[in-house]
Amino acid sequence: MYFVPYDSASGSLMYAMVCTRTDIAHVMGVLSGYMSEPRKEHWIVVKMVFRYLCGTTNHATCYKG
């Protein structure tokens, strides 16, 4: 097991996904399957998602009525 704040970080990403960033839903669905035994490669992906979010702060989902 890789000891990092994996559950806290993935919880923060889940909150972002539900509230504002639906574009990370698939990757969060996959990562949430490893909550009980995360490994180093899962933590690397969590960091990649955070970097993606930081790099796309000016993007938004627009729905037209």
PDB file of N, CA and C in Angstrom:
ATOM      1  N   MET A   1       0.847  -1.178   0.000  1.00  0.00           N
ATOM      2  CA  MET A   1       0.000   0.000   0.000  1.00  0.00           C
ATOM      3  C   MET A   1       0.890   1.237   0.000  1.00  0.00           C
ATOM      4  N   TYR A   2       0.458   2.248  -0.708  1.00  0.00           N
ATOM      5  CA  TYR A   2       1.214   3.485  -0.830  1.00  0.00           C
ATOM      6  C   TYR A   2       0.601   4.509   0.108  1.00  0.00           C
ATOM      7  N   PHE A   3       1.356   4.992   1.096  1.00  0.00           N
ATOM      8  CA  PHE A   3       0.805   5.849   2.135  1.00  0.00           C
ATOM      9  C   PHE A   3       0.896   7.322   1.766  1.00  0.00           C
ATOM     10  N   VAL A   4      -0.132   7.810   1.185  1.00  0.00           N
ATOM     11  CA  VAL A   4      -0.296   9.225   0.866  1.00  0.00           C
ATOM     12  C   VAL A   4      -1.750   9.570   1.170  1.00  0.00           C
ATOM     13  N   PRO A   5      -2.083  10.828   1.186  1.00  0.00           N
ATOM     14  CA  PRO A   5      -3.481  11.194   1.452  1.00  0.00           C
ATOM     15  C   PRO A   5      -4.372  10.919   0.236  1.00  0.00           C
ATOM     16  N   TYR A   6      -4.348   9.666  -0.247  1.00  0.00           N
ATOM     17  CA  TYR A   6      -5.074   9.291  -1.454  1.00  0.00           C
ATOM     18  C   TYR A   6      -6.573   9.498  -1.283  1.00  0.00           C
ATOM     19  N   ASP A   7      -7.117   9.088  -0.159  1.00  0.00           N
ATOM     20  CA  ASP A   7      -8.557   9.215   0.037  1.00  0.00           C
ATOM     21  C   ASP A   7      -8.991  10.678   0.124  1.00  0.00           C
ATOM     22  N   SER A   8      -8.190  11.504   0.749  1.00  0.00           N
ATOM     23  CA  SER A   8      -8.505  12.932   0.841  1.00  0.00           C
ATOM     24  C   SER A   8      -8.420  13.606  -0.525  1.00  0.00           C
ATOM     25  N   ALA A   9      -7.376  13.287  -1.274  1.00  0.00           N
ATOM     26  CA  ALA A   9      -7.199  13.884  -2.599  1.00  0.00           C
ATOM     27  C   ALA A   9      -8.287  13.427  -3.556  1.00  0.00           C
ATOM     28  N   SER A  10      -8.605  12.137  -3.559  1.00  0.00           N
ATOM     29  CA  SER A  10      -9.644  11.663  -4.463  1.00  0.00           C
ATOM     30  C   SER A  10     -11.018  12.168  -4.017  1.00  0.00           C
ATOM     31  N   GLY A  11     -11.212  12.377  -2.729  1.00  0.00           N
ATOM     32  CA  GLY A  11     -12.462  12.981  -2.258  1.00  0.00           C
ATOM     33  C   GLY A  11     -12.616  14.410  -2.747  1.00  0.00           C
ATOM     34  N   SER A  12     -11.525  15.151  -2.750  1.00  0.00           N
ATOM     35  CA  SER A  12     -11.564  16.515  -3.279  1.00  0.00           C
ATOM     36  C   SER A  12     -11.865  16.516  -4.768  1.00  0.00           C
ATOM     37  N   LEU A  13     -11.286  15.567  -5.492  1.00  0.00           N
ATOM     38  CA  LEU A  13     -11.572  15.471  -6.919  1.00  0.00           C
ATOM     39  C   LEU A  13     -13.023  15.053  -7.173  1.00  0.00           C
ATOM     40  N   MET A  14     -13.555  14.183  -6.328  1.00  0.00           N
ATOM     41  CA  MET A  14     -14.956  13.784  -6.461  1.00  0.00           C
ATOM     42  C   MET A  14     -15.878  14.986  -6.259  1.00  0.00           C
ATOM     43  N   TYR A  15     -15.561  15.801  -5.271  1.00  0.00           N
ATOM     44  CA  TYR A  15     -16.352  17.006  -5.029  1.00  0.00           C
ATOM     45  C   TYR A  15     -16.308  17.925  -6.240  1.00  0.00           C
ATOM     46  N   ALA A  16     -15.118  18.119  -6.796  1.00  0.00           N
ATOM     47  CA  ALA A  16     -14.990  18.960  -7.987  1.00  0.00           C
ATOM     48  C   ALA A  16     -15.763  18.363  -9.151  1.00  0.00           C
ATOM     49  N   MET A  17     -15.717  17.051  -9.289  1.00  0.00           N
ATOM     50  CA  MET A  17     -16.416  16.386 -10.382  1.00  0.00           C
ATOM     51  C   MET A  17     -17.926  16.582 -10.269  1.00  0.00           C
ATOM     52  N   VAL A  18     -18.457  16.396  -9.087  1.00  0.00           N
ATOM     53  CA  VAL A  18     -19.906  16.493  -8.900  1.00  0.00           C
ATOM     54  C   VAL A  18     -20.386  17.929  -9.049  1.00  0.00           C
ATOM     55  N   CYS A  19     -19.624  18.872  -8.531  1.00  0.00           N
ATOM     56  CA  CYS A  19     -20.079  20.263  -8.516  1.00  0.00           C
ATOM     57  C   CYS A  19     -19.819  21.010  -9.814  1.00  0.00           C
ATOM     58  N   THR A  20     -18.644  20.839 -10.404  1.00  0.00           N
ATOM     59  CA  THR A  20     -18.317  21.699 -11.537  1.00  0.00           C
ATOM     60  C   THR A  20     -17.650  21.010 -12.707  1.00  0.00           C
ATOM     61  N   ARG A  21     -16.890  19.957 -12.486  1.00  0.00           N
ATOM     62  CA  ARG A  21     -16.044  19.409 -13.536  1.00  0.00           C
ATOM     63  C   ARG A  21     -16.469  17.990 -13.910  1.00  0.00           C
ATOM     64  N   THR A  22     -17.521  17.888 -14.698  1.00  0.00           N
ATOM     65  CA  THR A  22     -18.014  16.579 -15.109  1.00  0.00           C
ATOM     66  C   THR A  22     -17.087  15.896 -16.104  1.00  0.00           C
ATOM     67  N   ASP A  23     -16.116  16.616 -16.649  1.00  0.00           N
ATOM     68  CA  ASP A  23     -15.198  16.035 -17.623  1.00  0.00           C
ATOM     69  C   ASP A  23     -14.235  15.032 -17.006  1.00  0.00           C
ATOM     70  N   ILE A  24     -14.122  14.986 -15.690  1.00  0.00           N
ATOM     71  CA  ILE A  24     -13.227  14.021 -15.054  1.00  0.00           C
ATOM     72  C   ILE A  24     -13.996  12.831 -14.476  1.00  0.00           C
ATOM     73  N   ALA A  25     -15.244  12.684 -14.855  1.00  0.00           N
ATOM     74  CA  ALA A  25     -16.090  11.638 -14.274  1.00  0.00           C
ATOM     75  C   ALA A  25     -15.558  10.234 -14.556  1.00  0.00           C
ATOM     76  N   HIS A  26     -15.114   9.977 -15.767  1.00  0.00           N
ATOM     77  CA  HIS A  26     -14.657   8.623 -16.090  1.00  0.00           C
ATOM     78  C   HIS A  26     -13.419   8.239 -15.289  1.00  0.00           C
ATOM     79  N   VAL A  27     -12.440   9.110 -15.287  1.00  0.00           N
ATOM     80  CA  VAL A  27     -11.202   8.776 -14.563  1.00  0.00           C
ATOM     81  C   VAL A  27     -11.470   8.647 -13.066  1.00  0.00           C
ATOM     82  N   MET A  28     -12.381   9.429 -12.522  1.00  0.00           N
ATOM     83  CA  MET A  28     -12.692   9.312 -11.104  1.00  0.00           C
ATOM     84  C   MET A  28     -13.445   8.027 -10.804  1.00  0.00           C
ATOM     85  N   GLY A  29     -14.264   7.578 -11.751  1.00  0.00           N
ATOM     86  CA  GLY A  29     -14.939   6.295 -11.577  1.00  0.00           C
ATOM     87  C   GLY A  29     -13.941   5.146 -11.504  1.00  0.00           C
ATOM     88  N   VAL A  30     -12.912   5.212 -12.329  1.00  0.00           N
ATOM     89  CA  VAL A  30     -11.877   4.174 -12.318  1.00  0.00           C
ATOM     90  C   VAL A  30     -11.044   4.272 -11.042  1.00  0.00           C
ATOM     91  N   LEU A  31     -10.627   5.480 -10.685  1.00  0.00           N
ATOM     92  CA  LEU A  31      -9.774   5.648  -9.497  1.00  0.00           C
ATOM     93  C   LEU A  31     -10.497   5.291  -8.206  1.00  0.00           C
ATOM     94  N   SER A  32     -11.795   5.502  -8.144  1.00  0.00           N
ATOM     95  CA  SER A  32     -12.519   5.214  -6.903  1.00  0.00           C
ATOM     96  C   SER A  32     -12.559   3.716  -6.617  1.00  0.00           C
ATOM     97  N   GLY A  33     -12.325   2.902  -7.626  1.00  0.00           N
ATOM     98  CA  GLY A  33     -12.265   1.462  -7.394  1.00  0.00           C
ATOM     99  C   GLY A  33     -11.038   1.024  -6.625  1.00  0.00           C
ATOM    100  N   TYR A  34     -10.074   1.909  -6.469  1.00  0.00           N
ATOM    101  CA  TYR A  34      -8.828   1.581  -5.776  1.00  0.00           C
ATOM    102  C   TYR A  34      -8.705   2.293  -4.434  1.00  0.00           C
ATOM    103  N   MET A  35      -9.816   2.704  -3.865  1.00  0.00           N
ATOM    104  CA  MET A  35      -9.773   3.417  -2.588  1.00  0.00           C
ATOM    105  C   MET A  35      -9.267   2.533  -1.455  1.00  0.00           C
ATOM    106  N   SER A  36      -9.555   1.245  -1.497  1.00  0.00           N
ATOM    107  CA  SER A  36      -9.154   0.386  -0.391  1.00  0.00           C
ATOM    108  C   SER A  36      -7.666   0.041  -0.426  1.00  0.00           C
ATOM    109  N   GLU A  37      -7.094  -0.089  -1.625  1.00  0.00           N
ATOM    110  CA  GLU A  37      -5.673  -0.407  -1.741  1.00  0.00           C
ATOM    111  C   GLU A  37      -5.024   0.372  -2.869  1.00  0.00           C
ATOM    112  N   PRO A  38      -4.815   1.668  -2.672  1.00  0.00           N
ATOM    113  CA  PRO A  38      -4.170   2.446  -3.725  1.00  0.00           C
ATOM    114  C   PRO A  38      -2.683   2.115  -3.825  1.00  0.00           C
ATOM    115  N   ARG A  39      -2.178   2.193  -5.037  1.00  0.00           N
ATOM    116  CA  ARG A  39      -0.750   1.971  -5.269  1.00  0.00           C
ATOM    117  C   ARG A  39      -0.128   3.258  -5.775  1.00  0.00           C
ATOM    118  N   LYS A  40       1.168   3.222  -5.966  1.00  0.00           N
ATOM    119  CA  LYS A  40       1.884   4.412  -6.402  1.00  0.00           C
ATOM    120  C   LYS A  40       1.355   4.928  -7.735  1.00  0.00           C
ATOM    121  N   GLU A  41       1.040   4.029  -8.664  1.00  0.00           N
ATOM    122  CA  GLU A  41       0.551   4.466  -9.970  1.00  0.00           C
ATOM    123  C   GLU A  41      -0.815   5.150  -9.884  1.00  0.00           C
ATOM    124  N   HIS A  42      -1.625   4.787  -8.894  1.00  0.00           N
ATOM    125  CA  HIS A  42      -2.914   5.459  -8.712  1.00  0.00           C
ATOM    126  C   HIS A  42      -2.694   6.885  -8.201  1.00  0.00           C
ATOM    127  N   TRP A  43      -1.748   7.052  -7.299  1.00  0.00           N
ATOM    128  CA  TRP A  43      -1.419   8.386  -6.800  1.00  0.00           C
ATOM    129  C   TRP A  43      -0.882   9.261  -7.929  1.00  0.00           C
ATOM    130  N   ILE A  44      -0.101   8.670  -8.828  1.00  0.00           N
ATOM    131  CA  ILE A  44       0.424   9.420  -9.969  1.00  0.00           C
ATOM    132  C   ILE A  44      -0.726   9.917 -10.844  1.00  0.00           C
ATOM    133  N   VAL A  45      -1.735   9.084 -11.046  1.00  0.00           N
ATOM    134  CA  VAL A  45      -2.887   9.497 -11.857  1.00  0.00           C
ATOM    135  C   VAL A  45      -3.680  10.595 -11.151  1.00  0.00           C
ATOM    136  N   VAL A  46      -3.827  10.496  -9.840  1.00  0.00           N
ATOM    137  CA  VAL A  46      -4.517  11.555  -9.090  1.00  0.00           C
ATOM    138  C   VAL A  46      -3.793  12.888  -9.281  1.00  0.00           C
ATOM    139  N   LYS A  47      -2.462  12.856  -9.208  1.00  0.00           N
ATOM    140  CA  LYS A  47      -1.700  14.090  -9.426  1.00  0.00           C
ATOM    141  C   LYS A  47      -1.867  14.598 -10.852  1.00  0.00           C
ATOM    142  N   MET A  48      -1.961  13.684 -11.813  1.00  0.00           N
ATOM    143  CA  MET A  48      -2.178  14.092 -13.204  1.00  0.00           C
ATOM    144  C   MET A  48      -3.529  14.783 -13.367  1.00  0.00           C
ATOM    145  N   VAL A  49      -4.546  14.290 -12.674  1.00  0.00           N
ATOM    146  CA  VAL A  49      -5.875  14.911 -12.748  1.00  0.00           C
ATOM    147  C   VAL A  49      -5.829  16.306 -12.142  1.00  0.00           C
ATOM    148  N   PHE A  50      -5.122  16.470 -11.022  1.00  0.00           N
ATOM    149  CA  PHE A  50      -4.979  17.805 -10.443  1.00  0.00           C
ATOM    150  C   PHE A  50      -4.260  18.754 -11.402  1.00  0.00           C
ATOM    151  N   ARG A  51      -3.222  18.260 -12.058  1.00  0.00           N
ATOM    152  CA  ARG A  51      -2.518  19.096 -13.042  1.00  0.00           C
ATOM    153  C   ARG A  51      -3.428  19.457 -14.212  1.00  0.00           C
ATOM    154  N   TYR A  52      -4.251  18.497 -14.644  1.00  0.00           N
ATOM    155  CA  TYR A  52      -5.199  18.765 -15.722  1.00  0.00           C
ATOM    156  C   TYR A  52      -6.173  19.863 -15.300  1.00  0.00           C
ATOM    157  N   LEU A  53      -6.685  19.776 -14.091  1.00  0.00           N
ATOM    158  CA  LEU A  53      -7.628  20.788 -13.615  1.00  0.00           C
ATOM    159  C   LEU A  53      -6.972  22.161 -13.513  1.00  0.00           C
ATOM    160  N   CYS A  54      -5.723  22.197 -13.057  1.00  0.00           N
ATOM    161  CA  CYS A  54      -5.015  23.476 -12.972  1.00  0.00           C
ATOM    162  C   CYS A  54      -4.780  24.071 -14.355  1.00  0.00           C
ATOM    163  N   GLY A  55      -4.544  23.228 -15.332  1.00  0.00           N
ATOM    164  CA  GLY A  55      -4.285  23.710 -16.677  1.00  0.00           C
ATOM    165  C   GLY A  55      -5.516  24.075 -17.469  1.00  0.00           C
ATOM    166  N   THR A  56      -6.680  23.698 -16.981  1.00  0.00           N
ATOM    167  CA  THR A  56      -7.923  23.968 -17.713  1.00  0.00           C
ATOM    168  C   THR A  56      -8.907  24.789 -16.892  1.00  0.00           C
ATOM    169  N   THR A  57      -8.402  25.689 -16.093  1.00  0.00           N
ATOM    170  CA  THR A  57      -9.294  26.487 -15.249  1.00  0.00           C
ATOM    171  C   THR A  57     -10.156  27.444 -16.042  1.00  0.00           C
ATOM    172  N   ASN A  58      -9.742  27.785 -17.258  1.00  0.00           N
ATOM    173  CA  ASN A  58     -10.534  28.720 -18.058  1.00  0.00           C
ATOM    174  C   ASN A  58     -11.526  28.009 -18.975  1.00  0.00           C
ATOM    175  N   HIS A  59     -11.636  26.680 -18.889  1.00  0.00           N
ATOM    176  CA  HIS A  59     -12.597  25.938 -19.698  1.00  0.00           C
ATOM    177  C   HIS A  59     -13.895  25.767 -18.909  1.00  0.00           C
ATOM    178  N   ALA A  60     -14.992  25.712 -19.642  1.00  0.00           N
ATOM    179  CA  ALA A  60     -16.281  25.542 -18.993  1.00  0.00           C
ATOM    180  C   ALA A  60     -17.192  24.710 -19.887  1.00  0.00           C
ATOM    181  N   THR A  61     -18.158  24.075 -19.277  1.00  0.00           N
ATOM    182  CA  THR A  61     -19.188  23.349 -20.013  1.00  0.00           C
ATOM    183  C   THR A  61     -20.387  24.268 -20.161  1.00  0.00           C
ATOM    184  N   CYS A  62     -20.829  24.471 -21.378  1.00  0.00           N
ATOM    185  CA  CYS A  62     -21.963  25.355 -21.644  1.00  0.00           C
ATOM    186  C   CYS A  62     -23.119  24.557 -22.230  1.00  0.00           C
ATOM    187  N   TYR A  63     -24.286  24.748 -21.675  1.00  0.00           N
ATOM    188  CA  TYR A  63     -25.493  24.119 -22.174  1.00  0.00           C
ATOM    189  C   TYR A  63     -26.381  25.199 -22.763  1.00  0.00           C
ATOM    190  N   LYS A  64     -26.793  24.995 -23.983  1.00  0.00           N
ATOM    191  CA  LYS A  64     -27.658  25.994 -24.629  1.00  0.00           C
ATOM    192  C   LYS A  64     -29.092  25.524 -24.575  1.00  0.00           C
ATOM    193  N   GLY A  65     -29.968  26.448 -24.253  1.00  0.00           N
ATOM    194  CA  GLY A  65     -31.390  26.115 -24.118  1.00  0.00           C
ATOM    195  C   GLY A  65     -32.176  26.332 -25.372  1.00  0.00           C
TER     196      GLY A  65
END
